[in-house]
Amino acid sequence: LSIPKGMLYILLTTLIFSTMEVAQKMVAEDFSPTQITMLRFLIGGILLLPFVIRSLKKKHVHLKMADLRHFVILGLFCVVVSMSFYQLSVERMPASVVSVIFSGNPVVVSVTACLILRQPLTKTNISALLFDILGILIIVNPFDTKLDPLGVVFLLIAILTFSLYSVMGKKYVGPFGSLTVTGLSLLIGALEMLLLLLIGHIPPLATLFSGIGLSLFANVPLFSGIHADNLAAFLWISVVVSAAGYYFYMKAIEETSPHEASLVFFFKPVLAPLLAMWLLQEQITLNMVIAICCFLIGALFDILPGLLHHRRKGKYTVLR
């Protein structure tokens, strides 16, 4: 039985990304949020670098200093800001909740693209956004919330800044390719994070960071915390999720289309909570089930029109 490449990449990405929050939860007590974010994307970015170089050679593209400045900005939004807040939310809330809410990110990207790039916002986009908002409200339940309010705020900041990164990165996908944009953004963002953490070890600056509410960058250990008990989870986050997962996702986009690859975020809200229940003994409440249904409906509104459009055009590999 042969499986189309595109479908295989989508399945692999879904399986890997569905483990992300669970694995991060497993090491949350051993690392600072900024430390684990820096380490996992530094390792992931280095592992992706050979594929980035090969992609650039294949496209006959030579990076200039002006291009690198763009990747510095993308890395700042993606790694330093978004993924740091994302890790903070994982530490404060159940992994299942974070995974389900973050899966609505493609819908937020559509809205952000409308606001920044003036791309048209369709009725299906608006419907998807409304169902995602409803899902968030059902999970958070503001009238009787049992979630950490700061955790919710951190997650929403992570989603909004990641959508900004996604929208800003879109115009560089054409000349450089998705893999290059992703790989260089992650690596340069990790290096920016490393620089901030190194600066945070200078006593006057560590005091300054702490004084202005940036204690997460002050006197943070760089490489300590890795030991036999968490090595497997650490390597999974760094090598499998942050390198292989992003690679497979980019390949899924190349082999199919962005709309078909977005199926990852349709299946993840179902699979990730099941993994959290199995590995972390988290409970799947009735609120969670209803919210997952809302996110699935929202994903259908967001993904289905594009899938049908590309199926009619016959431009991309069709999932069967």
Protein backbone atom coordinates (compact mmCIF):
# COMPACT_ATOMS: atom_id res chain seq x y z
CA LEU A 1 0.00 0.00 0.00
CA SER A 2 1.63 3.24 -1.15
CA ILE A 3 0.92 6.48 0.72
CA PRO A 4 1.24 9.79 -1.15
CA LYS A 5 4.21 11.81 0.11
CA GLY A 6 2.03 14.75 1.04
CA MET A 7 -0.27 12.66 3.20
CA LEU A 8 2.68 10.96 4.87
CA TYR A 9 4.21 14.33 5.78
CA ILE A 10 0.87 15.57 7.14
CA LEU A 11 0.47 12.44 9.28
CA LEU A 12 4.03 12.66 10.62
CA THR A 13 3.65 16.36 11.41
CA THR A 14 0.35 15.78 13.18
CA LEU A 15 1.78 13.00 15.34
CA ILE A 16 4.88 15.02 16.24
CA PHE A 17 3.16 18.36 16.88
CA SER A 18 0.51 16.62 19.01
CA THR A 19 3.26 15.60 21.45
CA MET A 20 4.69 19.11 21.74
CA GLU A 21 2.88 20.42 24.80
CA VAL A 22 3.05 17.06 26.59
CA ALA A 23 6.83 16.85 26.19
CA GLN A 24 7.31 20.47 27.21
CA LYS A 25 5.19 19.90 30.30
CA MET A 26 7.43 16.98 31.25
CA VAL A 27 10.54 19.20 31.42
CA ALA A 28 8.88 22.41 32.65
CA GLU A 29 10.19 22.04 36.20
CA ASP A 30 13.78 21.40 35.06
CA PHE A 31 14.31 24.44 32.84
CA SER A 32 13.56 28.13 32.76
CA PRO A 33 11.04 28.99 30.00
CA THR A 34 13.61 31.11 28.16
CA GLN A 35 16.30 28.45 28.63
CA ILE A 36 14.32 25.56 27.13
CA THR A 37 13.07 27.81 24.32
CA MET A 38 16.62 28.84 23.44
CA LEU A 39 18.01 25.30 23.64
CA ARG A 40 15.32 23.55 21.63
CA PHE A 41 15.35 26.03 18.78
CA LEU A 42 19.14 26.30 18.77
CA ILE A 43 19.41 22.53 18.33
CA GLY A 44 16.44 22.40 15.95
CA GLY A 45 17.76 25.32 13.88
CA ILE A 46 21.24 23.78 13.58
CA LEU A 47 19.73 20.46 12.47
CA LEU A 48 17.60 22.25 9.86
CA LEU A 49 20.53 24.32 8.54
CA PRO A 50 21.86 21.72 6.01
CA PHE A 51 18.37 21.46 4.49
CA VAL A 52 18.15 25.26 4.34
CA ILE A 53 21.52 25.47 2.55
CA ARG A 54 20.49 22.78 0.09
CA SER A 55 17.19 24.57 -0.58
CA LEU A 56 18.98 27.89 -1.23
CA LYS A 57 21.43 26.22 -3.61
CA LYS A 58 18.58 24.55 -5.45
CA LYS A 59 16.88 27.93 -5.89
CA HIS A 60 20.21 29.62 -6.76
CA VAL A 61 19.59 32.19 -4.04
CA HIS A 62 22.38 34.07 -2.23
CA LEU A 63 21.45 35.73 1.06
CA LYS A 64 22.40 39.36 1.54
CA MET A 65 22.76 41.36 4.75
CA ALA A 66 19.38 42.99 4.07
CA ASP A 67 17.81 39.51 3.93
CA LEU A 68 19.39 38.53 7.24
CA ARG A 69 17.90 41.64 8.87
CA HIS A 70 14.46 40.37 7.91
CA PHE A 71 15.19 37.00 9.54
CA VAL A 72 16.39 38.79 12.69
CA ILE A 73 12.96 40.42 12.99
CA LEU A 74 11.15 37.15 12.22
CA GLY A 75 13.26 35.29 14.79
CA LEU A 76 12.51 37.95 17.40
CA PHE A 77 8.75 37.58 16.96
CA CYS A 78 8.75 33.78 16.61
CA VAL A 79 11.27 32.55 19.18
CA VAL A 80 12.10 35.35 21.62
CA VAL A 81 8.54 36.61 22.09
CA SER A 82 5.98 34.05 20.90
CA MET A 83 7.65 30.81 21.94
CA SER A 84 8.75 32.24 25.32
CA PHE A 85 5.16 33.16 26.17
CA TYR A 86 4.05 29.82 24.77
CA GLN A 87 6.37 27.98 27.17
CA LEU A 88 5.14 30.14 30.05
CA SER A 89 1.56 29.16 29.23
CA VAL A 90 2.51 25.46 29.14
CA GLU A 91 3.96 25.79 32.63
CA ARG A 92 0.82 27.44 34.02
CA MET A 93 -1.94 25.45 32.29
CA PRO A 94 -2.75 21.85 31.33
CA ALA A 95 -0.96 20.73 28.16
CA SER A 96 -4.28 19.68 26.63
CA VAL A 97 -5.74 23.19 27.00
CA VAL A 98 -2.68 24.86 25.45
CA SER A 99 -2.61 22.42 22.54
CA VAL A 100 -6.30 22.86 21.69
CA ILE A 101 -6.30 26.67 21.87
CA PHE A 102 -3.02 27.07 19.96
CA SER A 103 -4.42 24.87 17.18
CA GLY A 104 -6.69 27.77 16.27
CA ASN A 105 -3.65 29.77 15.20
CA PRO A 106 -4.25 29.39 11.40
CA VAL A 107 -7.55 31.24 11.80
CA VAL A 108 -5.81 34.08 13.66
CA VAL A 109 -3.22 34.20 10.85
CA SER A 110 -6.05 34.74 8.32
CA VAL A 111 -7.40 37.66 10.34
CA THR A 112 -3.93 39.15 10.86
CA ALA A 113 -3.20 38.87 7.13
CA CYS A 114 -6.41 40.79 6.48
CA LEU A 115 -5.39 43.60 8.85
CA ILE A 116 -1.73 43.85 7.77
CA LEU A 117 -1.62 42.63 4.16
CA ARG A 118 -5.16 43.73 3.30
CA GLN A 119 -5.99 40.20 2.19
CA PRO A 120 -9.76 39.71 1.91
CA LEU A 121 -11.47 38.18 4.93
CA THR A 122 -14.19 35.83 3.75
CA LYS A 123 -17.39 34.82 5.50
CA THR A 124 -15.86 31.42 6.19
CA ASN A 125 -12.84 33.08 7.84
CA ILE A 126 -15.16 35.09 10.09
CA SER A 127 -17.21 31.98 10.92
CA ALA A 128 -14.01 30.09 11.78
CA LEU A 129 -12.86 32.92 14.05
CA LEU A 130 -16.21 33.02 15.86
CA PHE A 131 -16.14 29.28 16.51
CA ASP A 132 -12.55 29.54 17.78
CA ILE A 133 -13.49 32.40 20.13
CA LEU A 134 -16.45 30.35 21.35
CA GLY A 135 -14.14 27.39 21.95
CA ILE A 136 -11.72 29.54 23.95
CA LEU A 137 -14.56 30.96 26.06
CA ILE A 138 -15.89 27.46 26.77
CA ILE A 139 -12.45 26.21 27.87
CA VAL A 140 -11.56 29.30 29.90
CA ASN A 141 -15.10 29.73 31.28
CA PRO A 142 -14.61 33.30 32.56
CA PHE A 143 -17.58 33.01 34.95
CA ASP A 144 -16.07 30.03 36.78
CA THR A 145 -12.50 29.79 35.61
CA LYS A 146 -10.18 27.15 37.04
CA LEU A 147 -7.32 28.11 34.76
CA ASP A 148 -4.45 30.40 35.63
CA PRO A 149 -5.48 33.84 34.23
CA LEU A 150 -1.86 34.73 33.46
CA GLY A 151 -1.46 31.44 31.63
CA VAL A 152 -4.39 32.37 29.38
CA VAL A 153 -2.95 35.84 28.75
CA PHE A 154 0.49 34.39 27.95
CA LEU A 155 -1.04 31.92 25.50
CA LEU A 156 -3.05 34.61 23.70
CA ILE A 157 0.11 36.75 23.41
CA ALA A 158 1.94 33.73 21.99
CA ILE A 159 -0.80 33.14 19.40
CA LEU A 160 -1.00 36.79 18.34
CA THR A 161 2.77 37.23 17.99
CA PHE A 162 3.12 33.90 16.17
CA SER A 163 0.44 35.02 13.72
CA LEU A 164 2.40 38.25 13.16
CA TYR A 165 5.51 36.18 12.48
CA SER A 166 3.57 33.99 10.04
CA VAL A 167 2.14 36.96 8.15
CA MET A 168 5.46 38.82 8.00
CA GLY A 169 7.22 35.68 6.82
CA LYS A 170 4.76 35.08 3.96
CA LYS A 171 6.39 37.58 1.60
CA TYR A 172 9.76 35.85 1.96
CA VAL A 173 8.44 32.37 1.19
CA GLY A 174 8.36 33.12 -2.54
CA PRO A 175 12.03 34.05 -3.02
CA PHE A 176 13.52 31.83 -0.31
CA GLY A 177 11.10 28.93 0.23
CA SER A 178 9.16 27.86 3.33
CA LEU A 179 11.98 25.71 4.70
CA THR A 180 14.52 28.54 4.54
CA VAL A 181 12.18 31.06 6.17
CA THR A 182 11.33 28.65 8.98
CA GLY A 183 14.83 27.26 9.53
CA LEU A 184 16.62 30.61 9.57
CA SER A 185 13.92 32.26 11.70
CA LEU A 186 14.23 29.54 14.34
CA LEU A 187 18.03 29.49 14.35
CA ILE A 188 18.50 33.28 14.38
CA GLY A 189 15.75 33.63 16.99
CA ALA A 190 17.53 31.08 19.20
CA LEU A 191 20.81 32.99 18.79
CA GLU A 192 19.03 36.22 19.77
CA MET A 193 17.67 34.47 22.83
CA LEU A 194 21.14 33.14 23.68
CA LEU A 195 22.57 36.66 23.39
CA LEU A 196 19.91 38.04 25.74
CA LEU A 197 20.57 35.29 28.27
CA LEU A 198 24.33 35.95 28.10
CA ILE A 199 23.72 39.67 28.64
CA GLY A 200 21.48 38.72 31.56
CA HIS A 201 24.53 37.31 33.36
CA ILE A 202 26.16 40.76 33.52
CA PRO A 203 25.28 41.95 37.08
CA PRO A 204 24.13 45.54 36.27
CA LEU A 205 22.04 44.32 33.33
CA ALA A 206 20.63 41.42 35.33
CA THR A 207 19.47 43.97 37.90
CA LEU A 208 18.01 46.11 35.11
CA PHE A 209 16.15 43.14 33.59
CA SER A 210 14.69 42.22 36.97
CA GLY A 211 13.69 45.82 37.64
CA ILE A 212 11.71 46.20 34.41
CA GLY A 213 9.90 42.87 34.68
CA LEU A 214 12.25 40.84 32.48
CA SER A 215 13.60 38.55 35.19
CA LEU A 216 13.17 35.62 32.79
CA PHE A 217 16.35 36.87 31.09
CA ALA A 218 18.32 37.54 34.29
CA ASN A 219 20.90 34.99 35.52
CA VAL A 220 19.28 32.14 33.61
CA PRO A 221 21.41 28.96 33.41
CA LEU A 222 22.28 28.18 29.80
CA PHE A 223 22.97 24.45 29.59
CA SER A 224 22.40 23.04 33.08
CA GLY A 225 19.29 21.05 33.97
CA ILE A 226 19.77 18.24 31.46
CA HIS A 227 20.05 14.89 33.24
CA ALA A 228 19.24 11.22 32.69
CA ASP A 229 15.62 11.55 33.84
CA ASN A 230 14.67 14.26 31.33
CA LEU A 231 17.15 13.56 28.52
CA ALA A 232 14.66 11.63 26.37
CA ALA A 233 12.00 14.35 26.66
CA PHE A 234 14.59 17.08 26.04
CA LEU A 235 15.88 15.37 22.89
CA TRP A 236 12.32 14.74 21.70
CA ILE A 237 11.48 18.46 22.04
CA SER A 238 14.72 19.63 20.44
CA VAL A 239 15.36 17.04 17.71
CA VAL A 240 11.96 15.57 16.88
CA VAL A 241 9.55 18.48 17.49
CA SER A 242 11.77 21.50 16.78
CA ALA A 243 13.66 20.00 13.82
CA ALA A 244 11.85 17.00 12.29
CA GLY A 245 8.36 18.37 13.02
CA TYR A 246 8.99 21.70 11.29
CA TYR A 247 10.80 19.95 8.42
CA PHE A 248 7.89 17.58 7.80
CA TYR A 249 5.41 20.46 7.99
CA MET A 250 7.34 22.45 5.38
CA LYS A 251 7.56 19.35 3.16
CA ALA A 252 3.81 18.83 3.59
CA ILE A 253 3.24 22.36 2.27
CA GLU A 254 5.57 21.72 -0.68
CA GLU A 255 4.01 18.38 -1.60
CA THR A 256 0.39 19.49 -1.17
CA SER A 257 -0.66 23.07 -0.39
CA PRO A 258 -0.84 25.37 2.65
CA HIS A 259 -4.54 24.53 2.97
CA GLU A 260 -4.01 20.77 2.93
CA ALA A 261 -1.04 21.05 5.31
CA SER A 262 -3.33 22.96 7.70
CA LEU A 263 -5.12 19.66 8.27
CA VAL A 264 -2.44 19.17 10.94
CA PHE A 265 -4.30 21.74 13.07
CA PHE A 266 -7.59 19.96 12.42
CA PHE A 267 -6.41 16.65 13.84
CA LYS A 268 -4.12 17.98 16.59
CA PRO A 269 -6.91 19.26 18.91
CA VAL A 270 -8.25 15.70 19.05
CA LEU A 271 -4.98 13.77 19.35
CA ALA A 272 -3.05 16.08 21.71
CA PRO A 273 -5.59 15.95 24.60
CA LEU A 274 -5.69 12.15 24.32
CA LEU A 275 -1.90 12.04 24.64
CA ALA A 276 -2.06 14.43 27.62
CA MET A 277 -4.65 12.20 29.27
CA TRP A 278 -2.51 9.11 28.66
CA LEU A 279 0.94 10.46 29.53
CA LEU A 280 0.13 13.23 32.04
CA GLN A 281 -3.14 11.89 33.47
CA GLU A 282 -4.92 15.13 32.55
CA GLN A 283 -8.70 14.98 32.51
CA ILE A 284 -10.77 15.66 29.42
CA THR A 285 -13.80 17.50 30.78
CA LEU A 286 -17.14 18.07 29.08
CA ASN A 287 -16.10 21.71 28.51
CA MET A 288 -12.99 20.46 26.73
CA VAL A 289 -14.98 18.11 24.47
CA ILE A 290 -17.41 20.88 23.48
CA ALA A 291 -14.53 23.32 22.90
CA ILE A 292 -12.70 20.76 20.73
CA CYS A 293 -15.85 20.42 18.62
CA CYS A 294 -15.94 24.22 18.21
CA PHE A 295 -12.30 24.28 17.10
CA LEU A 296 -12.92 21.44 14.65
CA ILE A 297 -15.88 23.29 13.12
CA GLY A 298 -13.76 26.45 12.95
CA ALA A 299 -10.95 24.52 11.26
CA LEU A 300 -13.40 23.12 8.71
CA PHE A 301 -14.63 26.63 7.87
CA ASP A 302 -11.03 27.82 7.50
CA ILE A 303 -9.56 24.85 5.60
CA LEU A 304 -12.38 23.35 3.53
CA PRO A 305 -12.88 26.19 0.99
CA GLY A 306 -9.17 26.16 0.13
CA LEU A 307 -9.13 22.38 -0.17
CA LEU A 308 -12.10 22.40 -2.53
CA HIS A 309 -10.59 25.24 -4.56
CA HIS A 310 -7.27 23.45 -5.07
CA ARG A 311 -9.03 20.16 -5.75
CA ARG A 312 -10.97 21.82 -8.58
CA LYS A 313 -7.79 23.38 -9.97
CA GLY A 314 -5.95 20.07 -9.62
CA LYS A 315 -2.80 22.00 -8.83
CA TYR A 316 -1.75 20.14 -5.72
CA THR A 317 -1.60 16.57 -4.58
CA VAL A 318 -5.10 15.61 -3.53
CA LEU A 319 -5.59 13.61 -0.36
CA ARG A 320 -7.51 10.40 -0.96
